[in-house]
Amino acid sequence: MRVAIGSDHAGFELKQHVIESLKTMGHDVDDRGTHNTEPVDYPPICADVARRVAKGDAERGIVLGGSGQGEQITANKIHGIRAALCNDLYSAKYSRLHNDANVLSMGGRVVGTGLADEILLVWFTTDFQGGRHVPRIEQIKEIEESQ
């Protein structure tokens, strides 16, 4: 699977680890930055990742920051994106199972590398359940279209 990934300076170290984990899992990774720990604003990077997913240049996206909150909010501003902040396994599972999330957000100051690997495994191996959740996703799309 092609995965676009980006972070700010606070998420950089976790991003480097996640990239290696994704490659080990067999994914093709598109690193959108940042490429060091120098302070940088996250919105342009997260929007870039989300746009790549929305356009189909990547099947999924990952955005990382200190907490992951601002990164998730930014990604969700892009039409067609359902970004989920998953700093735990339950959120990772249900963001895919019920919400068909296409962008994962994590906080580098919240999640250690071991937990990040577990979150990645759950997030990338959990399929959207469909069924009763499809009308809800459609309602989200309708709200998005109305804006």
C-alpha atoms as a PDB file:
ATOM      1  CA  MET A   1       0.000   0.000   0.000  1.00  0.00           C
ATOM      2  CA  ARG A   2       1.250   3.522  -0.777  1.00  0.00           C
ATOM      3  CA  VAL A   3       1.350   5.626   2.405  1.00  0.00           C
ATOM      4  CA  ALA A   4       2.020   9.370   2.557  1.00  0.00           C
ATOM      5  CA  ILE A   5       3.530  10.488   5.863  1.00  0.00           C
ATOM      6  CA  GLY A   6       4.443  13.827   7.370  1.00  0.00           C
ATOM      7  CA  SER A   7       5.302  15.389  10.693  1.00  0.00           C
ATOM      8  CA  ASP A   8       6.396  18.542  12.378  1.00  0.00           C
ATOM      9  CA  HIS A   9       9.574  18.723  14.467  1.00  0.00           C
ATOM     10  CA  ALA A  10       7.853  17.209  17.529  1.00  0.00           C
ATOM     11  CA  GLY A  11       6.803  14.161  15.534  1.00  0.00           C
ATOM     12  CA  PHE A  12      10.018  13.788  13.535  1.00  0.00           C
ATOM     13  CA  GLU A  13      11.642  11.051  15.645  1.00  0.00           C
ATOM     14  CA  LEU A  14       8.470   8.971  15.677  1.00  0.00           C
ATOM     15  CA  LYS A  15       8.064   9.548  11.927  1.00  0.00           C
ATOM     16  CA  GLN A  16      11.511   8.113  11.260  1.00  0.00           C
ATOM     17  CA  HIS A  17      10.608   5.017  13.260  1.00  0.00           C
ATOM     18  CA  VAL A  18       7.184   4.685  11.615  1.00  0.00           C
ATOM     19  CA  ILE A  19       8.722   4.904   8.141  1.00  0.00           C
ATOM     20  CA  GLU A  20      10.989   1.959   8.898  1.00  0.00           C
ATOM     21  CA  SER A  21       8.086   0.009  10.417  1.00  0.00           C
ATOM     22  CA  LEU A  22       5.914   0.675   7.360  1.00  0.00           C
ATOM     23  CA  LYS A  23       8.662  -0.506   5.030  1.00  0.00           C
ATOM     24  CA  THR A  24       9.092  -3.665   7.111  1.00  0.00           C
ATOM     25  CA  MET A  25       5.328  -4.236   6.762  1.00  0.00           C
ATOM     26  CA  GLY A  26       5.778  -4.005   2.982  1.00  0.00           C
ATOM     27  CA  HIS A  27       4.310  -0.554   2.375  1.00  0.00           C
ATOM     28  CA  ASP A  28       5.613   2.036  -0.092  1.00  0.00           C
ATOM     29  CA  VAL A  29       6.282   5.248   1.857  1.00  0.00           C
ATOM     30  CA  ASP A  30       6.097   8.826   0.556  1.00  0.00           C
ATOM     31  CA  ASP A  31       7.838  11.031   3.150  1.00  0.00           C
ATOM     32  CA  ARG A  32       6.447  14.580   2.862  1.00  0.00           C
ATOM     33  CA  GLY A  33       8.646  16.053   5.605  1.00  0.00           C
ATOM     34  CA  THR A  34       9.814  17.518   7.848  1.00  0.00           C
ATOM     35  CA  HIS A  35      13.291  16.093   7.546  1.00  0.00           C
ATOM     36  CA  ASN A  36      14.844  17.206  10.843  1.00  0.00           C
ATOM     37  CA  THR A  37      14.005  18.491  14.333  1.00  0.00           C
ATOM     38  CA  GLU A  38      14.200  22.191  13.467  1.00  0.00           C
ATOM     39  CA  PRO A  39      10.928  23.947  14.427  1.00  0.00           C
ATOM     40  CA  VAL A  40       8.401  23.972  11.597  1.00  0.00           C
ATOM     41  CA  ASP A  41       4.662  24.612  11.317  1.00  0.00           C
ATOM     42  CA  TYR A  42       2.654  21.436  10.830  1.00  0.00           C
ATOM     43  CA  PRO A  43      -0.410  22.645   8.840  1.00  0.00           C
ATOM     44  CA  PRO A  44       1.208  22.746   5.364  1.00  0.00           C
ATOM     45  CA  ILE A  45       2.803  19.330   5.853  1.00  0.00           C
ATOM     46  CA  CYS A  46      -0.368  17.680   7.130  1.00  0.00           C
ATOM     47  CA  ALA A  47      -2.461  19.265   4.381  1.00  0.00           C
ATOM     48  CA  ASP A  48       0.004  17.939   1.804  1.00  0.00           C
ATOM     49  CA  VAL A  49      -0.303  14.399   3.179  1.00  0.00           C
ATOM     50  CA  ALA A  50      -4.096  14.638   3.252  1.00  0.00           C
ATOM     51  CA  ARG A  51      -4.279  16.041  -0.288  1.00  0.00           C
ATOM     52  CA  ARG A  52      -2.201  13.123  -1.570  1.00  0.00           C
ATOM     53  CA  VAL A  53      -4.665  10.700  -0.014  1.00  0.00           C
ATOM     54  CA  ALA A  54      -7.682  12.657  -1.285  1.00  0.00           C
ATOM     55  CA  LYS A  55      -6.262  12.710  -4.850  1.00  0.00           C
ATOM     56  CA  GLY A  56      -5.438   9.010  -4.782  1.00  0.00           C
ATOM     57  CA  ASP A  57      -1.665   9.489  -4.904  1.00  0.00           C
ATOM     58  CA  ALA A  58      -1.572   7.534  -1.621  1.00  0.00           C
ATOM     59  CA  GLU A  59      -4.045   5.000  -0.282  1.00  0.00           C
ATOM     60  CA  ARG A  60      -3.566   6.109   3.318  1.00  0.00           C
ATOM     61  CA  GLY A  61      -1.811   8.868   5.199  1.00  0.00           C
ATOM     62  CA  ILE A  62      -0.099   9.346   8.538  1.00  0.00           C
ATOM     63  CA  VAL A  63       0.462  12.689  10.263  1.00  0.00           C
ATOM     64  CA  LEU A  64       2.554  13.073  13.400  1.00  0.00           C
ATOM     65  CA  GLY A  65       3.180  15.870  15.843  1.00  0.00           C
ATOM     66  CA  GLY A  66       3.607  16.420  19.555  1.00  0.00           C
ATOM     67  CA  SER A  67       0.088  15.377  20.525  1.00  0.00           C
ATOM     68  CA  GLY A  68      -1.345  14.583  17.098  1.00  0.00           C
ATOM     69  CA  GLN A  69      -4.333  16.858  17.747  1.00  0.00           C
ATOM     70  CA  GLY A  70      -3.476  19.755  15.443  1.00  0.00           C
ATOM     71  CA  GLU A  71      -2.266  17.362  12.784  1.00  0.00           C
ATOM     72  CA  GLN A  72      -5.585  15.489  12.804  1.00  0.00           C
ATOM     73  CA  ILE A  73      -7.563  18.739  12.714  1.00  0.00           C
ATOM     74  CA  THR A  74      -5.542  20.002   9.750  1.00  0.00           C
ATOM     75  CA  ALA A  75      -5.874  16.767   7.779  1.00  0.00           C
ATOM     76  CA  ASN A  76      -9.637  16.787   8.339  1.00  0.00           C
ATOM     77  CA  LYS A  77      -9.908  20.165   6.606  1.00  0.00           C
ATOM     78  CA  ILE A  78      -9.151  18.440   3.296  1.00  0.00           C
ATOM     79  CA  HIS A  79     -12.211  17.265   1.375  1.00  0.00           C
ATOM     80  CA  GLY A  80     -12.515  13.482   1.467  1.00  0.00           C
ATOM     81  CA  ILE A  81     -10.330  12.904   4.497  1.00  0.00           C
ATOM     82  CA  ARG A  82     -11.356  11.070   7.630  1.00  0.00           C
ATOM     83  CA  ALA A  83      -8.364  11.520   9.917  1.00  0.00           C
ATOM     84  CA  ALA A  84      -8.348   9.840  13.307  1.00  0.00           C
ATOM     85  CA  LEU A  85      -6.172  10.582  16.317  1.00  0.00           C
ATOM     86  CA  CYS A  86      -5.108   7.166  17.581  1.00  0.00           C
ATOM     87  CA  ASN A  87      -2.820   7.221  20.567  1.00  0.00           C
ATOM     88  CA  ASP A  88      -4.210   3.854  21.722  1.00  0.00           C
ATOM     89  CA  LEU A  89      -5.190   0.510  20.210  1.00  0.00           C
ATOM     90  CA  TYR A  90      -8.954   0.864  20.716  1.00  0.00           C
ATOM     91  CA  SER A  91      -9.081   4.131  18.760  1.00  0.00           C
ATOM     92  CA  ALA A  92      -6.927   2.631  16.022  1.00  0.00           C
ATOM     93  CA  LYS A  93      -9.217  -0.369  15.620  1.00  0.00           C
ATOM     94  CA  TYR A  94     -12.499   1.513  15.643  1.00  0.00           C
ATOM     95  CA  SER A  95     -11.290   4.385  13.471  1.00  0.00           C
ATOM     96  CA  ARG A  96     -10.956   1.811  10.689  1.00  0.00           C
ATOM     97  CA  LEU A  97     -13.739  -0.610  11.631  1.00  0.00           C
ATOM     98  CA  HIS A  98     -16.515   1.984  12.046  1.00  0.00           C
ATOM     99  CA  ASN A  99     -15.210   5.180  10.441  1.00  0.00           C
ATOM    100  CA  ASP A 100     -13.089   3.948   7.516  1.00  0.00           C
ATOM    101  CA  ALA A 101     -10.387   6.442   8.535  1.00  0.00           C
ATOM    102  CA  ASN A 102      -7.910   7.111   5.739  1.00  0.00           C
ATOM    103  CA  VAL A 103      -5.407   9.215   7.709  1.00  0.00           C
ATOM    104  CA  LEU A 104      -3.868   8.191  11.019  1.00  0.00           C
ATOM    105  CA  SER A 105      -2.618  10.798  13.473  1.00  0.00           C
ATOM    106  CA  MET A 106      -0.355  10.067  16.437  1.00  0.00           C
ATOM    107  CA  GLY A 107       1.517  12.148  18.970  1.00  0.00           C
ATOM    108  CA  GLY A 108       5.256  11.715  19.239  1.00  0.00           C
ATOM    109  CA  ARG A 109       5.151  13.049  22.807  1.00  0.00           C
ATOM    110  CA  VAL A 110       2.365  10.618  23.691  1.00  0.00           C
ATOM    111  CA  VAL A 111       3.141   7.349  21.893  1.00  0.00           C
ATOM    112  CA  GLY A 112       6.367   5.407  22.223  1.00  0.00           C
ATOM    113  CA  THR A 113       7.782   3.364  19.375  1.00  0.00           C
ATOM    114  CA  GLY A 114       6.498   0.026  20.696  1.00  0.00           C
ATOM    115  CA  LEU A 115       2.934   1.268  21.001  1.00  0.00           C
ATOM    116  CA  ALA A 116       3.231   3.023  17.635  1.00  0.00           C
ATOM    117  CA  ASP A 117       4.111  -0.303  16.008  1.00  0.00           C
ATOM    118  CA  GLU A 118       1.077  -1.940  17.616  1.00  0.00           C
ATOM    119  CA  ILE A 119      -1.171   0.929  16.467  1.00  0.00           C
ATOM    120  CA  LEU A 120       0.186   0.636  12.919  1.00  0.00           C
ATOM    121  CA  LEU A 121      -0.447  -3.097  12.836  1.00  0.00           C
ATOM    122  CA  VAL A 122      -4.037  -2.687  14.040  1.00  0.00           C
ATOM    123  CA  TRP A 123      -4.755   0.303  11.797  1.00  0.00           C
ATOM    124  CA  PHE A 124      -3.394  -1.308   8.647  1.00  0.00           C
ATOM    125  CA  THR A 125      -4.971  -4.733   9.210  1.00  0.00           C
ATOM    126  CA  THR A 126      -8.462  -3.641  10.296  1.00  0.00           C
ATOM    127  CA  ASP A 127     -10.941  -3.387   7.441  1.00  0.00           C
ATOM    128  CA  PHE A 128     -13.968  -1.118   7.371  1.00  0.00           C
ATOM    129  CA  GLN A 129     -16.929  -3.088   8.687  1.00  0.00           C
ATOM    130  CA  GLY A 130     -19.449  -1.497   6.336  1.00  0.00           C
ATOM    131  CA  GLY A 131     -23.069  -2.384   7.058  1.00  0.00           C
ATOM    132  CA  ARG A 132     -24.736   0.043   9.455  1.00  0.00           C
ATOM    133  CA  HIS A 133     -21.680   2.302   9.252  1.00  0.00           C
ATOM    134  CA  VAL A 134     -22.016   3.026   5.522  1.00  0.00           C
ATOM    135  CA  PRO A 135     -24.955   5.445   5.928  1.00  0.00           C
ATOM    136  CA  ARG A 136     -22.995   7.302   8.598  1.00  0.00           C
ATOM    137  CA  ILE A 137     -19.991   7.715   6.301  1.00  0.00           C
ATOM    138  CA  GLU A 138     -22.378   8.906   3.591  1.00  0.00           C
ATOM    139  CA  GLN A 139     -23.838  11.456   6.023  1.00  0.00           C
ATOM    140  CA  ILE A 140     -20.334  12.719   6.767  1.00  0.00           C
ATOM    141  CA  LYS A 141     -19.743  13.096   3.018  1.00  0.00           C
ATOM    142  CA  GLU A 142     -23.037  14.982   2.623  1.00  0.00           C
ATOM    143  CA  ILE A 143     -22.064  17.401   5.391  1.00  0.00           C
ATOM    144  CA  GLU A 144     -18.679  17.870   3.772  1.00  0.00           C
ATOM    145  CA  GLU A 145     -20.277  18.539   0.372  1.00  0.00           C
ATOM    146  CA  SER A 146     -22.616  21.123   1.869  1.00  0.00           C
ATOM    147  CA  GLN A 147     -19.757  23.282   3.113  1.00  0.00           C
END
